[in-house]
Amino acid sequence: MALVLTLYYRQTLASKGASLFSKKQSQRAFTIVELLVVIVVIAVLAVITIVAYNGIQNRATVSLLTAKLSMTAKALEADRAVNNIYPSSLATANNGAGIATDQGVTLDYTYDNSGTEPVFCLTAYNNRASYTIRSGSASATEGACAGSTAGGLYVPLTNLVSNGDFSGGAADWPTSNSGPVAVVDGAAVFTPIGSPASTTTSHHIYKSVPLVTGQVYYLRADVYGSARMSLTSYTYPSNAANTWGSYSARQVATVTASRAFGVRSTLASAWTEVRCKNLLIINLTTAFGAGNEPSAAQMDAIMQQFPDRWFNGSVSAKL
């Protein structure tokens, strides 16, 4: 009987020990799961906090830069109202008191008082963003003025040729010794007629563009047929018959005058259909500053960011 009680007692202890061990294991596993859940929650909250913080920082940066631009632009306009020109530097702006500096914000200021309408361009930037305001503008826009030291992020470009994609038809495009002009699939289509008085002034469609001696221009056009891109007094490569070709050039103006820019036939007789589209001229000297004008190949690369390597009016191009 004593032996039976002893065995029963041992079995009971063993059973309780196993039960306690199992409970401890369960408790340990449950604690690990809890810990993992806490870690995941902390990670999610950290991501949310970082995103929110970056958003707050970005908004603060934009507010800081645009406020500085607005204040400085008002001071420049006040100087012009008194002197009829913009100040020669920010140090002499604000009626000679200068523009106060803000920690972490750099200002780049350029101006041109030579024209009938003085102009300025002002960039404010830090290590997060750059914003620009120009004379006559009510608000700042993202980017930098031409020649700004704000990392050369953006440059303002203007196409001197309006309606270069013929989206507005071809009525505003004069022709010389050419038949009626139609617009098909975004291209002007015409066929030369009559005998040309000159191979450099006839059988073409064109727009008058003002040039300034010594300034550098970028020209671009898509041409179809036996024709070439043309600018009065300058010659560019000829396109092959019955094919499309894209042409660009960097041209230094040798005259200060308006010149006809467009596309002309290269045939002296037996004329065939000519097509053209996406015509563009940019004054590189105005955009980048004298001595900083890019090459034609460099401009070709910049134009890749725009559909059909063309734009109408003015844009900010990323460098």
Protein backbone atom coordinates (compact mmCIF):
# COMPACT_ATOMS: atom_id res chain seq x y z
CA MET A 1 0.00 0.00 0.00
CA ALA A 2 2.82 2.38 0.83
CA LEU A 3 4.42 1.60 -2.53
CA VAL A 4 1.20 2.47 -4.39
CA LEU A 5 0.88 5.78 -2.54
CA THR A 6 4.48 6.63 -3.28
CA LEU A 7 4.05 5.93 -7.01
CA TYR A 8 0.83 7.94 -7.13
CA TYR A 9 2.51 10.84 -5.37
CA ARG A 10 5.40 10.82 -7.83
CA GLN A 11 3.06 10.68 -10.80
CA THR A 12 1.07 13.58 -9.41
CA LEU A 13 4.21 15.68 -8.95
CA ALA A 14 5.39 14.82 -12.46
CA SER A 15 2.02 15.76 -13.91
CA LYS A 16 1.97 19.06 -12.05
CA GLY A 17 5.52 19.80 -13.12
CA ALA A 18 4.69 19.13 -16.76
CA SER A 19 1.62 21.32 -16.45
CA LEU A 20 3.59 24.16 -14.93
CA PHE A 21 6.28 23.82 -17.59
CA SER A 22 3.63 23.94 -20.30
CA LYS A 23 2.08 27.05 -18.77
CA LYS A 24 5.45 28.74 -18.58
CA GLN A 25 6.07 27.93 -22.24
CA SER A 26 2.66 29.31 -23.17
CA GLN A 27 3.28 32.43 -21.14
CA ARG A 28 6.70 32.88 -22.73
CA ALA A 29 5.29 32.47 -26.29
CA PHE A 30 2.47 34.91 -25.59
CA THR A 31 4.97 37.48 -24.34
CA ILE A 32 7.06 37.20 -27.53
CA VAL A 33 3.97 37.69 -29.72
CA GLU A 34 3.06 40.75 -27.70
CA LEU A 35 6.56 42.10 -28.14
CA LEU A 36 6.43 41.60 -31.91
CA VAL A 37 3.09 43.40 -32.09
CA VAL A 38 4.52 46.32 -30.13
CA ILE A 39 7.55 46.50 -32.42
CA VAL A 40 5.35 46.55 -35.53
CA VAL A 41 3.12 49.26 -34.06
CA ILE A 42 6.15 51.37 -33.16
CA ALA A 43 7.57 50.96 -36.68
CA VAL A 44 4.28 52.02 -38.29
CA LEU A 45 4.00 55.03 -36.00
CA ALA A 46 7.61 55.96 -36.79
CA VAL A 47 6.93 55.91 -40.54
CA ILE A 48 3.80 58.01 -40.10
CA THR A 49 5.71 60.46 -37.93
CA ILE A 50 8.58 60.77 -40.42
CA VAL A 51 6.22 61.35 -43.36
CA ALA A 52 4.26 63.93 -41.38
CA TYR A 53 7.48 65.63 -40.26
CA ASN A 54 8.82 65.82 -43.82
CA GLY A 55 5.53 67.27 -44.98
CA ILE A 56 5.66 69.90 -42.26
CA GLN A 57 9.28 70.70 -43.14
CA ASN A 58 8.46 71.05 -46.84
CA ARG A 59 5.53 73.35 -46.14
CA ALA A 60 7.68 75.40 -43.78
CA THR A 61 10.39 75.67 -46.44
CA VAL A 62 7.94 76.84 -49.09
CA SER A 63 6.44 79.39 -46.70
CA LEU A 64 9.88 80.66 -45.70
CA LEU A 65 11.17 81.05 -49.27
CA THR A 66 8.01 82.55 -50.76
CA ALA A 67 7.60 85.00 -47.87
CA LYS A 68 11.20 86.16 -48.33
CA LEU A 69 10.66 86.58 -52.06
CA SER A 70 7.44 88.52 -51.57
CA MET A 71 9.03 90.91 -49.07
CA THR A 72 12.12 91.47 -51.23
CA ALA A 73 10.12 91.94 -54.43
CA LYS A 74 8.02 94.64 -52.74
CA ALA A 75 11.21 96.45 -51.72
CA LEU A 76 12.57 96.24 -55.28
CA GLU A 77 9.32 97.58 -56.73
CA ALA A 78 9.38 100.44 -54.20
CA ASP A 79 12.93 101.31 -55.32
CA ARG A 80 11.83 101.31 -58.94
CA ALA A 81 8.86 103.56 -58.15
CA VAL A 82 11.29 106.13 -56.75
CA ASN A 83 14.23 105.76 -59.17
CA ASN A 84 12.51 104.37 -62.31
CA ILE A 85 15.03 101.50 -62.30
CA TYR A 86 15.76 98.50 -60.12
CA PRO A 87 18.72 98.69 -57.70
CA SER A 88 22.10 97.38 -58.81
CA SER A 89 22.31 94.95 -55.89
CA LEU A 90 20.34 93.72 -52.90
CA ALA A 91 22.79 95.58 -50.66
CA THR A 92 21.61 98.89 -52.14
CA ALA A 93 17.94 97.89 -52.31
CA ASN A 94 15.23 98.97 -49.89
CA ASN A 95 16.11 102.65 -50.31
CA GLY A 96 19.76 101.91 -49.54
CA ALA A 97 19.09 99.98 -46.34
CA GLY A 98 19.66 96.63 -48.03
CA ILE A 99 17.73 93.38 -47.70
CA ALA A 100 18.00 91.60 -44.36
CA THR A 101 19.44 88.09 -44.53
CA ASP A 102 17.64 85.06 -43.13
CA GLN A 103 19.60 82.11 -41.76
CA GLY A 104 19.62 79.22 -44.19
CA VAL A 105 18.15 81.23 -47.10
CA THR A 106 20.22 82.50 -50.03
CA LEU A 107 18.99 85.13 -52.51
CA ASP A 108 20.15 85.44 -56.13
CA TYR A 109 19.20 88.70 -57.83
CA THR A 110 19.51 89.67 -61.50
CA TYR A 111 18.10 92.74 -63.23
CA ASP A 112 18.03 94.53 -66.57
CA ASN A 113 17.39 98.27 -66.67
CA SER A 114 18.44 98.70 -70.31
CA GLY A 115 15.01 98.22 -71.86
CA THR A 116 11.97 100.46 -71.88
CA GLU A 117 10.54 98.23 -69.17
CA PRO A 118 13.11 97.33 -66.45
CA VAL A 119 12.91 93.72 -65.24
CA PHE A 120 14.31 91.60 -62.44
CA CYS A 121 14.46 87.95 -61.43
CA LEU A 122 14.92 86.86 -57.83
CA THR A 123 15.60 83.34 -56.51
CA ALA A 124 15.41 82.26 -52.87
CA TYR A 125 16.77 78.82 -52.02
CA ASN A 126 18.09 76.56 -49.29
CA ASN A 127 19.17 72.92 -49.16
CA ARG A 128 15.59 71.72 -49.69
CA ALA A 129 14.10 73.84 -52.50
CA SER A 130 14.36 76.93 -54.68
CA TYR A 131 11.63 79.42 -55.61
CA THR A 132 11.62 82.37 -57.99
CA ILE A 133 9.70 85.59 -58.46
CA ARG A 134 9.99 87.97 -61.40
CA SER A 135 9.05 91.58 -61.95
CA GLY A 136 5.36 91.84 -62.69
CA SER A 137 4.58 88.50 -61.02
CA ALA A 138 2.09 88.36 -58.19
CA SER A 139 3.47 85.17 -56.66
CA ALA A 140 6.55 82.95 -56.58
CA THR A 141 6.99 79.72 -58.52
CA GLU A 142 9.24 76.72 -58.00
CA GLY A 143 12.57 76.92 -59.83
CA ALA A 144 15.51 79.27 -60.26
CA CYS A 145 16.42 82.24 -62.44
CA ALA A 146 18.85 81.73 -65.31
CA GLY A 147 22.39 81.86 -63.97
CA SER A 148 21.27 81.33 -60.38
CA THR A 149 23.64 79.47 -58.07
CA ALA A 150 20.69 77.47 -56.71
CA GLY A 151 22.20 74.32 -58.08
CA GLY A 152 21.19 75.29 -61.61
CA LEU A 153 17.92 73.48 -61.06
CA TYR A 154 15.67 75.27 -63.53
CA VAL A 155 15.94 77.86 -66.28
CA PRO A 156 13.11 79.90 -67.83
CA LEU A 157 12.81 79.36 -71.59
CA THR A 158 10.62 81.24 -74.07
CA ASN A 159 9.69 80.09 -77.57
CA LEU A 160 9.83 83.19 -79.80
CA VAL A 161 7.67 81.41 -82.38
CA SER A 162 3.96 81.41 -81.56
CA ASN A 163 1.72 78.59 -82.80
CA GLY A 164 4.74 76.55 -83.82
CA ASP A 165 2.71 73.35 -83.63
CA PHE A 166 -0.05 74.78 -85.87
CA SER A 167 -2.67 73.92 -83.26
CA GLY A 168 -4.23 77.28 -84.10
CA GLY A 169 -4.20 76.61 -87.82
CA ALA A 170 -1.81 78.20 -90.32
CA ALA A 171 -3.51 81.55 -90.99
CA ASP A 172 -0.88 83.42 -88.94
CA TRP A 173 1.97 81.87 -90.96
CA PRO A 174 2.82 83.88 -94.12
CA THR A 175 4.04 82.03 -97.23
CA SER A 176 6.12 82.97 -100.24
CA ASN A 177 5.63 81.37 -103.67
CA SER A 178 3.71 78.53 -102.10
CA GLY A 179 0.24 77.14 -102.59
CA PRO A 180 -2.49 77.05 -99.94
CA VAL A 181 -1.39 75.77 -96.54
CA ALA A 182 -3.32 73.00 -94.82
CA VAL A 183 -2.81 71.53 -91.36
CA VAL A 184 -2.74 67.73 -91.25
CA ASP A 185 -1.90 65.73 -88.12
CA GLY A 186 -0.37 68.77 -86.45
CA ALA A 187 1.83 69.70 -89.41
CA ALA A 188 1.62 72.53 -91.93
CA VAL A 189 1.41 71.13 -95.48
CA PHE A 190 2.16 73.15 -98.64
CA THR A 191 3.50 72.74 -102.17
CA PRO A 192 5.69 75.42 -103.80
CA ILE A 193 4.35 77.08 -106.97
CA GLY A 194 5.78 79.43 -109.62
CA SER A 195 9.41 80.27 -110.28
CA PRO A 196 11.46 81.25 -107.25
CA ALA A 197 12.97 84.71 -107.28
CA SER A 198 15.64 83.47 -104.90
CA THR A 199 16.44 80.10 -103.39
CA THR A 200 16.85 81.79 -99.99
CA THR A 201 13.68 83.90 -99.91
CA SER A 202 11.03 81.91 -101.79
CA HIS A 203 8.92 78.77 -101.49
CA HIS A 204 8.60 78.79 -97.76
CA ILE A 205 6.34 79.24 -94.75
CA TYR A 206 7.67 81.51 -92.03
CA LYS A 207 7.29 83.72 -88.97
CA SER A 208 9.13 86.99 -88.34
CA VAL A 209 11.46 86.72 -85.32
CA PRO A 210 13.48 89.61 -83.79
CA LEU A 211 17.23 88.98 -83.53
CA VAL A 212 19.91 90.94 -81.66
CA THR A 213 23.50 91.08 -82.88
CA GLY A 214 25.83 88.88 -80.85
CA GLN A 215 23.08 87.04 -79.02
CA VAL A 216 22.81 83.26 -79.34
CA TYR A 217 19.67 81.42 -80.46
CA TYR A 218 18.56 77.80 -80.49
CA LEU A 219 16.45 76.75 -83.49
CA ARG A 220 14.48 73.55 -83.94
CA ALA A 221 11.97 72.12 -86.45
CA ASP A 222 10.61 68.83 -87.77
CA VAL A 223 10.69 68.76 -91.57
CA TYR A 224 9.19 66.43 -94.19
CA GLY A 225 10.20 66.26 -97.85
CA SER A 226 12.85 68.06 -99.90
CA ALA A 227 13.11 71.05 -97.59
CA ARG A 228 15.13 72.54 -94.78
CA MET A 229 14.79 74.67 -91.68
CA SER A 230 15.50 78.28 -92.62
CA LEU A 231 16.35 81.61 -91.06
CA THR A 232 17.03 84.55 -93.36
CA SER A 233 20.78 84.96 -94.02
CA TYR A 234 21.64 81.55 -92.51
CA THR A 235 21.73 78.08 -94.09
CA TYR A 236 20.95 74.71 -92.50
CA PRO A 237 21.08 71.06 -93.69
CA SER A 238 18.60 69.78 -96.28
CA ASN A 239 16.15 66.99 -95.53
CA ALA A 240 15.75 63.93 -97.77
CA ALA A 241 12.68 63.54 -99.97
CA ASN A 242 9.63 61.70 -98.63
CA THR A 243 11.00 61.40 -95.08
CA TRP A 244 10.69 63.19 -91.76
CA GLY A 245 13.77 64.71 -90.16
CA SER A 246 14.37 66.66 -86.94
CA TYR A 247 16.82 69.56 -87.11
CA SER A 248 18.31 71.91 -84.56
CA ALA A 249 21.03 74.53 -84.59
CA ARG A 250 22.80 77.08 -82.42
CA GLN A 251 22.99 80.42 -84.20
CA VAL A 252 24.81 83.63 -83.26
CA ALA A 253 22.92 86.59 -84.73
CA THR A 254 24.96 88.90 -86.97
CA VAL A 255 22.24 91.52 -87.31
CA THR A 256 19.78 93.34 -85.10
CA ALA A 257 16.62 92.97 -87.12
CA SER A 258 13.59 90.78 -87.65
CA ARG A 259 14.29 87.71 -89.73
CA ALA A 260 12.01 85.11 -91.32
CA PHE A 261 12.21 81.73 -89.58
CA GLY A 262 10.47 78.71 -91.02
CA VAL A 263 10.83 75.87 -93.53
CA ARG A 264 11.50 76.14 -97.26
CA SER A 265 11.73 73.84 -100.24
CA THR A 266 15.20 72.96 -101.50
CA LEU A 267 14.01 72.26 -105.07
CA ALA A 268 14.30 74.71 -107.97
CA SER A 269 11.59 72.96 -110.01
CA ALA A 270 9.34 69.89 -110.02
CA TRP A 271 8.33 70.83 -106.50
CA THR A 272 6.94 68.29 -104.11
CA GLU A 273 4.89 68.55 -100.95
CA VAL A 274 6.60 70.00 -97.88
CA ARG A 275 5.49 69.50 -94.28
CA CYS A 276 6.74 70.99 -91.03
CA LYS A 277 5.82 71.10 -87.34
CA ASN A 278 7.15 71.92 -83.86
CA LEU A 279 9.03 75.06 -84.89
CA LEU A 280 10.89 76.78 -82.08
CA ILE A 281 13.45 79.53 -81.43
CA ILE A 282 14.88 80.30 -77.98
CA ASN A 283 17.13 83.23 -77.11
CA LEU A 284 19.84 81.41 -75.14
CA THR A 285 21.60 84.62 -74.12
CA THR A 286 18.46 85.87 -72.42
CA ALA A 287 17.81 82.51 -70.77
CA PHE A 288 21.32 81.53 -69.62
CA GLY A 289 23.27 84.77 -69.69
CA ALA A 290 26.03 85.92 -72.05
CA GLY A 291 28.89 83.44 -72.18
CA ASN A 292 26.82 80.64 -70.60
CA GLU A 293 24.79 79.63 -73.65
CA PRO A 294 24.66 75.82 -74.10
CA SER A 295 25.51 74.03 -77.33
CA ALA A 296 22.87 72.71 -79.73
CA ALA A 297 23.49 69.18 -78.43
CA GLN A 298 23.04 70.32 -74.83
CA MET A 299 19.79 72.06 -75.74
CA ASP A 300 18.63 68.93 -77.57
CA ALA A 301 19.06 67.05 -74.28
CA ILE A 302 17.19 69.72 -72.30
CA MET A 303 14.31 69.68 -74.79
CA GLN A 304 13.82 65.93 -74.25
CA GLN A 305 11.74 66.73 -71.15
CA PHE A 306 9.00 68.30 -73.31
CA PRO A 307 6.58 66.37 -75.56
CA ASP A 308 7.85 66.39 -79.16
CA ARG A 309 10.81 68.44 -77.86
CA TRP A 310 8.67 71.54 -78.24
CA PHE A 311 6.64 73.97 -76.13
CA ASN A 312 4.56 77.06 -76.69
CA GLY A 313 5.10 80.29 -74.76
CA SER A 314 7.32 80.14 -71.67
CA VAL A 315 8.31 77.23 -69.43
CA SER A 316 10.75 76.36 -66.64
CA ALA A 317 13.16 73.73 -67.91
CA LYS A 318 14.98 71.42 -65.52
CA LEU A 319 18.72 71.23 -66.11
